[in-house]
PDB file of N, CA and C in Angstrom:
ATOM      1  N   UNK A   1      66.730 136.887 164.038  1.00  0.00           N
ATOM      2  CA  UNK A   1      67.607 136.049 164.853  1.00  0.00           C
ATOM      3  C   UNK A   1      68.155 136.532 165.824  1.00  0.00           C
ATOM      4  N   UNK A   2      69.037 135.436 166.448  1.00  0.00           N
ATOM      5  CA  UNK A   2      69.435 135.518 168.059  1.00  0.00           C
ATOM      6  C   UNK A   2      70.745 134.763 167.620  1.00  0.00           C
ATOM      7  N   UNK A   3      71.825 135.661 168.557  1.00  0.00           N
ATOM      8  CA  UNK A   3      73.380 135.009 169.148  1.00  0.00           C
ATOM      9  C   UNK A   3      73.182 134.707 170.434  1.00  0.00           C
ATOM     10  N   UNK A   4      73.581 133.326 170.698  1.00  0.00           N
ATOM     11  CA  UNK A   4      73.801 132.754 172.133  1.00  0.00           C
ATOM     12  C   UNK A   4      75.317 132.780 172.414  1.00  0.00           C
ATOM     13  N   UNK A   5      75.633 133.765 173.680  1.00  0.00           N
ATOM     14  CA  UNK A   5      76.858 133.467 174.004  1.00  0.00           C
ATOM     15  C   UNK A   5      76.768 132.527 175.135  1.00  0.00           C
ATOM     16  N   UNK A   6      77.860 131.458 174.874  1.00  0.00           N
ATOM     17  CA  UNK A   6      77.041 130.563 176.500  1.00  0.00           C
ATOM     18  C   UNK A   6      78.926 130.132 176.803  1.00  0.00           C
ATOM     19  N   UNK A   7      78.974 130.527 178.356  1.00  0.00           N
ATOM     20  CA  UNK A   7      80.005 130.495 178.813  1.00  0.00           C
ATOM     21  C   UNK A   7      80.188 128.992 179.428  1.00  0.00           C
ATOM     22  N   UNK A   8      80.886 127.985 179.219  1.00  0.00           N
ATOM     23  CA  UNK A   8      81.140 126.592 179.913  1.00  0.00           C
ATOM     24  C   UNK A   8      81.797 126.218 180.192  1.00  0.00           C
ATOM     25  N   UNK A   9      81.771 125.569 181.554  1.00  0.00           N
ATOM     26  CA  UNK A   9      83.022 124.885 182.236  1.00  0.00           C
ATOM     27  C   UNK A   9      83.777 124.124 180.861  1.00  0.00           C
ATOM     28  N   UNK A  10      85.143 124.040 181.019  1.00  0.00           N
ATOM     29  CA  UNK A  10      85.801 123.038 179.991  1.00  0.00           C
ATOM     30  C   UNK A  10      85.395 121.680 180.154  1.00  0.00           C
ATOM     31  N   UNK A  11      84.929 121.064 181.064  1.00  0.00           N
ATOM     32  CA  UNK A  11      84.601 120.000 181.400  1.00  0.00           C
ATOM     33  C   UNK A  11      83.360 119.448 180.866  1.00  0.00           C
ATOM     34  N   UNK A  12      82.604 120.529 180.329  1.00  0.00           N
ATOM     35  CA  UNK A  12      81.342 120.343 180.238  1.00  0.00           C
ATOM     36  C   UNK A  12      81.320 120.279 178.135  1.00  0.00           C
ATOM     37  N   UNK A  13      82.259 121.233 178.040  1.00  0.00           N
ATOM     38  CA  UNK A  13      82.272 121.965 176.642  1.00  0.00           C
ATOM     39  C   UNK A  13      81.957 120.984 175.834  1.00  0.00           C
ATOM     40  N   UNK A  14      82.620 119.635 175.502  1.00  0.00           N
ATOM     41  CA  UNK A  14      82.236 118.606 174.293  1.00  0.00           C
ATOM     42  C   UNK A  14      81.180 118.323 174.310  1.00  0.00           C
ATOM     43  N   UNK A  15      79.921 117.828 175.725  1.00  0.00           N
ATOM     44  CA  UNK A  15      79.164 117.241 175.564  1.00  0.00           C
ATOM     45  C   UNK A  15      78.298 118.067 175.088  1.00  0.00           C
ATOM     46  N   UNK A  16      77.943 119.687 175.342  1.00  0.00           N
ATOM     47  CA  UNK A  16      77.637 120.644 174.715  1.00  0.00           C
ATOM     48  C   UNK A  16      77.762 120.632 173.389  1.00  0.00           C
ATOM     49  N   UNK A  17      78.655 120.956 173.136  1.00  0.00           N
ATOM     50  CA  UNK A  17      79.156 121.596 171.412  1.00  0.00           C
ATOM     51  C   UNK A  17      78.698 120.071 170.958  1.00  0.00           C
ATOM     52  N   UNK A  18      78.955 118.823 171.176  1.00  0.00           N
ATOM     53  CA  UNK A  18      78.342 117.377 170.348  1.00  0.00           C
ATOM     54  C   UNK A  18      76.823 117.412 170.143  1.00  0.00           C
ATOM     55  N   UNK A  19      76.318 117.843 171.403  1.00  0.00           N
ATOM     56  CA  UNK A  19      74.559 117.697 171.585  1.00  0.00           C
ATOM     57  C   UNK A  19      74.275 118.921 170.126  1.00  0.00           C
ATOM     58  N   UNK A  20      74.560 120.313 170.495  1.00  0.00           N
ATOM     59  CA  UNK A  20      74.340 121.142 169.760  1.00  0.00           C
ATOM     60  C   UNK A  20      74.440 120.748 168.032  1.00  0.00           C
ATOM     61  N   UNK A  21      75.581 120.261 168.018  1.00  0.00           N
ATOM     62  CA  UNK A  21      76.108 119.928 166.286  1.00  0.00           C
ATOM     63  C   UNK A  21      75.069 118.535 166.145  1.00  0.00           C
ATOM     64  N   UNK A  22      74.806 117.830 166.476  1.00  0.00           N
ATOM     65  CA  UNK A  22      74.122 116.826 166.303  1.00  0.00           C
ATOM     66  C   UNK A  22      72.471 117.225 166.416  1.00  0.00           C
ATOM     67  N   UNK A  23      72.052 118.072 166.824  1.00  0.00           N
ATOM     68  CA  UNK A  23      70.687 118.733 166.594  1.00  0.00           C
ATOM     69  C   UNK A  23      70.571 119.973 165.595  1.00  0.00           C
ATOM     70  N   UNK A  24      71.937 120.080 164.759  1.00  0.00           N
ATOM     71  CA  UNK A  24      71.914 120.901 163.664  1.00  0.00           C
ATOM     72  C   UNK A  24      72.029 122.147 163.673  1.00  0.00           C
ATOM     73  N   UNK A  25      72.808 122.666 165.080  1.00  0.00           N
ATOM     74  CA  UNK A  25      73.277 124.122 165.309  1.00  0.00           C
ATOM     75  C   UNK A  25      74.851 124.163 164.728  1.00  0.00           C
ATOM     76  N   UNK A  26      75.321 125.481 164.398  1.00  0.00           N
ATOM     77  CA  UNK A  26      76.342 125.426 164.251  1.00  0.00           C
ATOM     78  C   UNK A  26      76.962 126.310 165.074  1.00  0.00           C
ATOM     79  N   UNK A  27      77.978 126.147 165.565  1.00  0.00           N
ATOM     80  CA  UNK A  27      78.573 127.049 166.680  1.00  0.00           C
ATOM     81  C   UNK A  27      80.458 126.823 166.415  1.00  0.00           C
ATOM     82  N   UNK A  28      80.797 128.488 167.319  1.00  0.00           N
ATOM     83  CA  UNK A  28      81.996 128.604 166.789  1.00  0.00           C
ATOM     84  C   UNK A  28      82.456 128.253 168.803  1.00  0.00           C
ATOM     85  N   UNK A  29      83.413 127.819 169.050  1.00  0.00           N
ATOM     86  CA  UNK A  29      84.398 127.492 170.329  1.00  0.00           C
ATOM     87  C   UNK A  29      85.458 128.543 170.341  1.00  0.00           C
ATOM     88  N   UNK A  30      85.565 129.412 171.707  1.00  0.00           N
ATOM     89  CA  UNK A  30      86.695 130.249 172.033  1.00  0.00           C
ATOM     90  C   UNK A  30      86.988 129.770 173.417  1.00  0.00           C
ATOM     91  N   UNK A  31      88.295 129.343 173.506  1.00  0.00           N
ATOM     92  CA  UNK A  31      88.902 129.157 174.717  1.00  0.00           C
ATOM     93  C   UNK A  31      88.972 130.175 175.583  1.00  0.00           C
ATOM     94  N   UNK A  32      88.266 130.194 176.905  1.00  0.00           N
ATOM     95  CA  UNK A  32      88.557 131.311 177.539  1.00  0.00           C
ATOM     96  C   UNK A  32      88.616 131.017 179.103  1.00  0.00           C
ATOM     97  N   UNK A  33      89.168 132.211 179.827  1.00  0.00           N
ATOM     98  CA  UNK A  33      89.401 132.303 181.286  1.00  0.00           C
ATOM     99  C   UNK A  33      88.664 132.653 182.065  1.00  0.00           C
ATOM    100  N   UNK A  34      87.901 131.882 183.501  1.00  0.00           N
ATOM    101  CA  UNK A  34      87.237 132.457 184.018  1.00  0.00           C
ATOM    102  C   UNK A  34      87.850 133.484 185.165  1.00  0.00           C
ATOM    103  N   UNK A  35      87.358 134.344 185.393  1.00  0.00           N
ATOM    104  CA  UNK A  35      88.126 135.546 186.430  1.00  0.00           C
ATOM    105  C   UNK A  35      87.974 135.386 187.780  1.00  0.00           C
ATOM    106  N   UNK A  36      87.315 134.407 188.223  1.00  0.00           N
ATOM    107  CA  UNK A  36      87.049 134.456 189.816  1.00  0.00           C
ATOM    108  C   UNK A  36      87.978 133.380 190.103  1.00  0.00           C
ATOM    109  N   UNK A  37      87.853 131.799 189.489  1.00  0.00           N
ATOM    110  CA  UNK A  37      88.604 130.877 189.923  1.00  0.00           C
ATOM    111  C   UNK A  37      89.852 130.653 188.884  1.00  0.00           C
ATOM    112  N   UNK A  38      89.763 131.580 187.826  1.00  0.00           N
ATOM    113  CA  UNK A  38      91.159 131.492 186.834  1.00  0.00           C
ATOM    114  C   UNK A  38      90.994 130.234 186.177  1.00  0.00           C
ATOM    115  N   UNK A  39      89.950 129.401 185.949  1.00  0.00           N
ATOM    116  CA  UNK A  39      89.552 128.203 185.263  1.00  0.00           C
ATOM    117  C   UNK A  39      89.351 128.202 183.990  1.00  0.00           C
ATOM    118  N   UNK A  40      89.869 127.020 183.194  1.00  0.00           N
ATOM    119  CA  UNK A  40      89.559 127.130 181.902  1.00  0.00           C
ATOM    120  C   UNK A  40      88.001 127.196 181.363  1.00  0.00           C
ATOM    121  N   UNK A  41      87.619 127.633 180.706  1.00  0.00           N
ATOM    122  CA  UNK A  41      86.217 127.917 179.803  1.00  0.00           C
ATOM    123  C   UNK A  41      85.950 127.631 178.793  1.00  0.00           C
ATOM    124  N   UNK A  42      84.881 127.469 177.969  1.00  0.00           N
ATOM    125  CA  UNK A  42      84.763 127.686 176.482  1.00  0.00           C
ATOM    126  C   UNK A  42      83.466 128.239 176.408  1.00  0.00           C
ATOM    127  N   UNK A  43      83.832 129.201 175.593  1.00  0.00           N
ATOM    128  CA  UNK A  43      82.652 130.265 175.146  1.00  0.00           C
ATOM    129  C   UNK A  43      82.180 130.036 174.059  1.00  0.00           C
ATOM    130  N   UNK A  44      80.978 129.718 173.689  1.00  0.00           N
ATOM    131  CA  UNK A  44      80.608 128.886 172.294  1.00  0.00           C
ATOM    132  C   UNK A  44      79.555 130.323 171.861  1.00  0.00           C
ATOM    133  N   UNK A  45      79.634 130.716 170.406  1.00  0.00           N
ATOM    134  CA  UNK A  45      78.519 131.386 169.881  1.00  0.00           C
ATOM    135  C   UNK A  45      77.993 131.072 169.024  1.00  0.00           C
ATOM    136  N   UNK A  46      76.669 130.651 168.913  1.00  0.00           N
ATOM    137  CA  UNK A  46      75.571 129.906 168.353  1.00  0.00           C
ATOM    138  C   UNK A  46      74.413 130.910 167.548  1.00  0.00           C
ATOM    139  N   UNK A  47      75.020 131.148 166.238  1.00  0.00           N
ATOM    140  CA  UNK A  47      73.619 131.644 165.714  1.00  0.00           C
ATOM    141  C   UNK A  47      72.157 130.913 165.316  1.00  0.00           C
ATOM    142  N   UNK A  48      70.994 131.318 166.080  1.00  0.00           N
ATOM    143  CA  UNK A  48      70.129 130.484 165.988  1.00  0.00           C
ATOM    144  C   UNK A  48      68.786 131.391 165.144  1.00  0.00           C
ATOM    145  N   UNK A  49      67.695 131.159 164.710  1.00  0.00           N
ATOM    146  CA  UNK A  49      66.243 131.664 164.377  1.00  0.00           C
ATOM    147  C   UNK A  49      65.999 131.555 165.877  1.00  0.00           C
ATOM    148  N   UNK A  50      65.031 132.853 165.907  1.00  0.00           N
ATOM    149  CA  UNK A  50      64.486 133.009 166.637  1.00  0.00           C
ATOM    150  C   UNK A  50      63.371 132.180 167.460  1.00  0.00           C
ATOM    151  N   UNK A  51      62.673 130.996 166.651  1.00  0.00           N
ATOM    152  CA  UNK A  51      62.065 129.959 166.869  1.00  0.00           C
ATOM    153  C   UNK A  51      62.754 128.777 167.480  1.00  0.00           C
ATOM    154  N   UNK A  52      64.329 128.680 167.362  1.00  0.00           N
ATOM    155  CA  UNK A  52      65.171 128.238 168.095  1.00  0.00           C
ATOM    156  C   UNK A  52      65.788 128.047 169.060  1.00  0.00           C
ATOM    157  N   UNK A  53      65.884 129.474 169.703  1.00  0.00           N
ATOM    158  CA  UNK A  53      66.417 129.621 170.874  1.00  0.00           C
ATOM    159  C   UNK A  53      66.438 128.871 172.116  1.00  0.00           C
ATOM    160  N   UNK A  54      64.928 128.456 172.464  1.00  0.00           N
ATOM    161  CA  UNK A  54      65.163 127.781 173.680  1.00  0.00           C
ATOM    162  C   UNK A  54      65.386 126.331 173.421  1.00  0.00           C
ATOM    163  N   UNK A  55      65.547 125.935 172.272  1.00  0.00           N
ATOM    164  CA  UNK A  55      65.988 124.433 172.105  1.00  0.00           C
ATOM    165  C   UNK A  55      67.277 124.488 172.019  1.00  0.00           C
ATOM    166  N   UNK A  56      67.868 125.578 171.867  1.00  0.00           N
ATOM    167  CA  UNK A  56      69.679 125.327 172.021  1.00  0.00           C
ATOM    168  C   UNK A  56      70.238 125.488 173.506  1.00  0.00           C
ATOM    169  N   UNK A  57      69.124 126.425 174.240  1.00  0.00           N
ATOM    170  CA  UNK A  57      69.388 126.787 175.445  1.00  0.00           C
ATOM    171  C   UNK A  57      69.132 125.774 176.489  1.00  0.00           C
ATOM    172  N   UNK A  58      67.887 124.618 175.952  1.00  0.00           N
ATOM    173  CA  UNK A  58      67.550 123.761 176.665  1.00  0.00           C
ATOM    174  C   UNK A  58      68.772 122.586 176.798  1.00  0.00           C
ATOM    175  N   UNK A  59      69.511 122.383 175.363  1.00  0.00           N
ATOM    176  CA  UNK A  59      70.455 121.428 174.946  1.00  0.00           C
ATOM    177  C   UNK A  59      71.601 121.677 175.968  1.00  0.00           C
ATOM    178  N   UNK A  60      72.241 123.098 176.083  1.00  0.00           N
ATOM    179  CA  UNK A  60      73.273 123.573 177.113  1.00  0.00           C
ATOM    180  C   UNK A  60      73.069 123.360 178.481  1.00  0.00           C
ATOM    181  N   UNK A  61      71.343 123.696 178.598  1.00  0.00           N
ATOM    182  CA  UNK A  61      70.997 122.990 180.193  1.00  0.00           C
ATOM    183  C   UNK A  61      71.608 121.779 180.405  1.00  0.00           C
ATOM    184  N   UNK A  62      70.790 121.129 179.317  1.00  0.00           N
ATOM    185  CA  UNK A  62      70.901 119.220 179.690  1.00  0.00           C
ATOM    186  C   UNK A  62      72.128 118.922 179.840  1.00  0.00           C
ATOM    187  N   UNK A  63      73.575 119.812 179.284  1.00  0.00           N
ATOM    188  CA  UNK A  63      74.821 118.760 179.474  1.00  0.00           C
ATOM    189  C   UNK A  63      75.936 119.910 179.918  1.00  0.00           C
ATOM    190  N   UNK A  64      75.259 120.607 180.462  1.00  0.00           N
ATOM    191  CA  UNK A  64      76.446 121.937 181.443  1.00  0.00           C
ATOM    192  C   UNK A  64      75.748 121.369 182.779  1.00  0.00           C
ATOM    193  N   UNK A  65      76.467 120.663 183.527  1.00  0.00           N
ATOM    194  CA  UNK A  65      76.093 120.131 184.776  1.00  0.00           C
ATOM    195  C   UNK A  65      76.820 121.390 186.218  1.00  0.00           C
ATOM    196  N   UNK A  66      76.326 121.737 186.858  1.00  0.00           N
ATOM    197  CA  UNK A  66      76.618 122.235 188.089  1.00  0.00           C
ATOM    198  C   UNK A  66      77.203 121.604 188.950  1.00  0.00           C
ATOM    199  N   UNK A  67      78.324 121.499 189.547  1.00  0.00           N
ATOM    200  CA  UNK A  67      78.748 120.728 190.795  1.00  0.00           C
ATOM    201  C   UNK A  67      79.499 121.510 191.929  1.00  0.00           C
ATOM    202  N   UNK A  68      80.008 121.086 192.988  1.00  0.00           N
ATOM    203  CA  UNK A  68      80.816 121.824 193.782  1.00  0.00           C
ATOM    204  C   UNK A  68      82.425 121.264 193.871  1.00  0.00           C
ATOM    205  N   UNK A  69      83.030 122.170 193.894  1.00  0.00           N
ATOM    206  CA  UNK A  69      84.817 121.664 193.899  1.00  0.00           C
ATOM    207  C   UNK A  69      85.584 122.310 195.282  1.00  0.00           C
ATOM    208  N   UNK A  70      86.170 121.903 195.774  1.00  0.00           N
ATOM    209  CA  UNK A  70      86.819 122.616 197.048  1.00  0.00           C
ATOM    210  C   UNK A  70      88.151 123.443 196.397  1.00  0.00           C
ATOM    211  N   UNK A  71      88.172 124.524 196.996  1.00  0.00           N
ATOM    212  CA  UNK A  71      89.338 125.755 196.531  1.00  0.00           C
ATOM    213  C   UNK A  71      89.735 125.880 197.773  1.00  0.00           C
ATOM    214  N   UNK A  72      91.333 126.685 197.584  1.00  0.00           N
ATOM    215  CA  UNK A  72      92.112 126.949 198.794  1.00  0.00           C
ATOM    216  C   UNK A  72      91.474 128.980 198.820  1.00  0.00           C
ATOM    217  N   UNK A  73      91.747 129.144 200.169  1.00  0.00           N
ATOM    218  CA  UNK A  73      91.065 130.286 200.456  1.00  0.00           C
ATOM    219  C   UNK A  73      92.225 130.945 200.185  1.00  0.00           C
ATOM    220  N   UNK A  74      91.585 132.326 199.141  1.00  0.00           N
ATOM    221  CA  UNK A  74      92.118 133.190 198.659  1.00  0.00           C
ATOM    222  C   UNK A  74      92.133 134.312 199.280  1.00  0.00           C
ATOM    223  N   UNK A  75      93.463 135.209 199.304  1.00  0.00           N
ATOM    224  CA  UNK A  75      93.425 136.524 200.301  1.00  0.00           C
ATOM    225  C   UNK A  75      93.117 137.625 199.278  1.00  0.00           C
ATOM    226  N   UNK A  76      92.750 138.822 199.531  1.00  0.00           N
ATOM    227  CA  UNK A  76      92.708 139.947 198.681  1.00  0.00           C
ATOM    228  C   UNK A  76      93.821 140.278 197.355  1.00  0.00           C
ATOM    229  N   UNK A  77      95.037 139.571 197.885  1.00  0.00           N
ATOM    230  CA  UNK A  77      96.285 140.050 196.975  1.00  0.00           C
ATOM    231  C   UNK A  77      96.217 138.742 195.905  1.00  0.00           C
ATOM    232  N   UNK A  78      95.180 137.881 195.900  1.00  0.00           N
ATOM    233  CA  UNK A  78      95.306 136.925 195.213  1.00  0.00           C
ATOM    234  C   UNK A  78      96.080 135.487 195.601  1.00  0.00           C
ATOM    235  N   UNK A  79      96.982 136.029 196.689  1.00  0.00           N
ATOM    236  CA  UNK A  79      97.624 134.734 197.292  1.00  0.00           C
ATOM    237  C   UNK A  79      96.725 133.669 198.041  1.00  0.00           C
ATOM    238  N   UNK A  80      97.276 132.517 197.681  1.00  0.00           N
ATOM    239  CA  UNK A  80      96.024 131.049 198.354  1.00  0.00           C
ATOM    240  C   UNK A  80      96.978 131.293 200.149  1.00  0.00           C
ATOM    241  N   UNK A  81      95.786 130.941 201.357  1.00  0.00           N
ATOM    242  CA  UNK A  81      96.467 130.689 202.401  1.00  0.00           C
ATOM    243  C   UNK A  81      96.808 129.661 202.526  1.00  0.00           C
ATOM    244  N   UNK A  82      98.270 129.443 203.018  1.00  0.00           N
ATOM    245  CA  UNK A  82      98.558 128.041 203.110  1.00  0.00           C
ATOM    246  C   UNK A  82      97.898 127.324 204.287  1.00  0.00           C
ATOM    247  N   UNK A  83      97.468 127.801 205.342  1.00  0.00           N
ATOM    248  CA  UNK A  83      96.712 127.327 206.542  1.00  0.00           C
ATOM    249  C   UNK A  83      95.277 127.219 206.628  1.00  0.00           C
ATOM    250  N   UNK A  84      94.742 128.241 205.724  1.00  0.00           N
ATOM    251  CA  UNK A  84      93.011 128.083 205.653  1.00  0.00           C
ATOM    252  C   UNK A  84      92.782 126.748 205.228  1.00  0.00           C
ATOM    253  N   UNK A  85      91.042 126.660 205.473  1.00  0.00           N
ATOM    254  CA  UNK A  85      90.445 125.445 205.077  1.00  0.00           C
ATOM    255  C   UNK A  85      89.856 125.612 203.931  1.00  0.00           C
ATOM    256  N   UNK A  86      90.177 124.345 203.263  1.00  0.00           N
ATOM    257  CA  UNK A  86      89.557 125.316 201.809  1.00  0.00           C
ATOM    258  C   UNK A  86      88.097 125.430 201.632  1.00  0.00           C
ATOM    259  N   UNK A  87      87.538 126.441 200.758  1.00  0.00           N
ATOM    260  CA  UNK A  87      86.089 126.893 200.364  1.00  0.00           C
ATOM    261  C   UNK A  87      85.278 126.026 199.582  1.00  0.00           C
ATOM    262  N   UNK A  88      84.169 125.547 199.531  1.00  0.00           N
ATOM    263  CA  UNK A  88      83.756 124.890 198.504  1.00  0.00           C
ATOM    264  C   UNK A  88      82.759 125.875 197.827  1.00  0.00           C
ATOM    265  N   UNK A  89      83.199 125.862 196.586  1.00  0.00           N
ATOM    266  CA  UNK A  89      82.546 127.082 195.144  1.00  0.00           C
ATOM    267  C   UNK A  89      81.912 125.969 194.275  1.00  0.00           C
ATOM    268  N   UNK A  90      80.718 126.682 193.777  1.00  0.00           N
ATOM    269  CA  UNK A  90      79.888 126.048 192.596  1.00  0.00           C
ATOM    270  C   UNK A  90      80.777 126.123 191.445  1.00  0.00           C
ATOM    271  N   UNK A  91      80.502 125.193 190.552  1.00  0.00           N
ATOM    272  CA  UNK A  91      81.632 125.425 189.218  1.00  0.00           C
ATOM    273  C   UNK A  91      80.520 124.726 188.183  1.00  0.00           C
ATOM    274  N   UNK A  92      81.204 124.637 187.195  1.00  0.00           N
ATOM    275  CA  UNK A  92      80.352 124.231 186.142  1.00  0.00           C
ATOM    276  C   UNK A  92      79.057 125.051 185.800  1.00  0.00           C
ATOM    277  N   UNK A  93      78.311 124.176 184.815  1.00  0.00           N
ATOM    278  CA  UNK A  93      77.038 124.861 184.734  1.00  0.00           C
ATOM    279  C   UNK A  93      77.077 125.672 183.242  1.00  0.00           C
ATOM    280  N   UNK A  94      76.286 126.615 183.034  1.00  0.00           N
ATOM    281  CA  UNK A  94      76.759 127.475 182.022  1.00  0.00           C
ATOM    282  C   UNK A  94      75.988 128.977 182.422  1.00  0.00           C
ATOM    283  N   UNK A  95      76.696 130.279 181.595  1.00  0.00           N
ATOM    284  CA  UNK A  95      76.101 131.430 181.679  1.00  0.00           C
ATOM    285  C   UNK A  95      75.688 131.434 180.642  1.00  0.00           C
ATOM    286  N   UNK A  96      74.354 131.912 179.792  1.00  0.00           N
ATOM    287  CA  UNK A  96      73.872 132.213 178.830  1.00  0.00           C
ATOM    288  C   UNK A  96      73.323 133.247 178.514  1.00  0.00           C
ATOM    289  N   UNK A  97      73.899 133.855 177.485  1.00  0.00           N
ATOM    290  CA  UNK A  97      73.408 135.063 177.028  1.00  0.00           C
ATOM    291  C   UNK A  97      72.715 135.455 175.461  1.00  0.00           C
ATOM    292  N   UNK A  98      71.766 135.632 175.573  1.00  0.00           N
ATOM    293  CA  UNK A  98      70.948 135.721 173.947  1.00  0.00           C
ATOM    294  C   UNK A  98      70.787 137.458 173.674  1.00  0.00           C
ATOM    295  N   UNK A  99      71.283 137.641 172.407  1.00  0.00           N
ATOM    296  CA  UNK A  99      71.348 138.710 171.848  1.00  0.00           C
ATOM    297  C   UNK A  99      70.816 138.982 170.453  1.00  0.00           C
ATOM    298  N   UNK A 100      69.684 140.069 170.516  1.00  0.00           N
ATOM    299  CA  UNK A 100      69.613 140.181 168.983  1.00  0.00           C
ATOM    300  C   UNK A 100      70.461 140.495 168.233  1.00  0.00           C
ATOM    301  N   UNK A 101      70.119 139.857 167.164  1.00  0.00           N
ATOM    302  CA  UNK A 101      71.307 140.064 165.540  1.00  0.00           C
ATOM    303  C   UNK A 101      70.308 140.873 164.633  1.00  0.00           C
ATOM    304  N   UNK A 102      70.676 142.109 164.291  1.00  0.00           N
ATOM    305  CA  UNK A 102      70.184 143.212 163.721  1.00  0.00           C
ATOM    306  C   UNK A 102      70.898 142.473 162.029  1.00  0.00           C
ATOM    307  N   UNK A 103      71.715 141.868 161.811  1.00  0.00           N
ATOM    308  CA  UNK A 103      72.112 141.906 160.525  1.00  0.00           C
ATOM    309  C   UNK A 103      73.050 140.416 160.338  1.00  0.00           C
ATOM    310  N   UNK A 104      72.861 139.775 159.701  1.00  0.00           N
ATOM    311  CA  UNK A 104      73.510 138.700 159.648  1.00  0.00           C
ATOM    312  C   UNK A 104      74.060 138.649 157.923  1.00  0.00           C
ATOM    313  N   UNK A 105      75.307 137.944 157.679  1.00  0.00           N
ATOM    314  CA  UNK A 105      75.620 137.743 156.253  1.00  0.00           C
ATOM    315  C   UNK A 105      76.622 136.717 156.477  1.00  0.00           C
ATOM    316  N   UNK A 106      76.596 135.528 155.365  1.00  0.00           N
ATOM    317  CA  UNK A 106      77.637 134.670 155.135  1.00  0.00           C
ATOM    318  C   UNK A 106      78.576 135.207 154.194  1.00  0.00           C
ATOM    319  N   UNK A 107      79.601 135.425 153.879  1.00  0.00           N
ATOM    320  CA  UNK A 107      80.454 135.934 152.849  1.00  0.00           C
ATOM    321  C   UNK A 107      81.503 134.818 152.322  1.00  0.00           C
TER     322      UNK A 107
END
């Protein structure tokens, strides 16, 4: 058994969770915040049998798209430069971790 931890942009989270549930996966959604852009994310926990791992990852890939977004330039102290040109940064997509599950019980 595997545990998939997927950190997904909040704009993609509904599509990902609906597609996973429609395909028979059980998920737990946690609201999280990213460190770099301080933007809203959703972290999904998906317990899967070993042979279903790739199917779940493929669903996440299909529904979490990467895109670019303009952000104000940030100084080292976290303050935005008012006169600086915005910087284009990649957002969206998903960061996926697959962990081995040593033991699983439903109580």
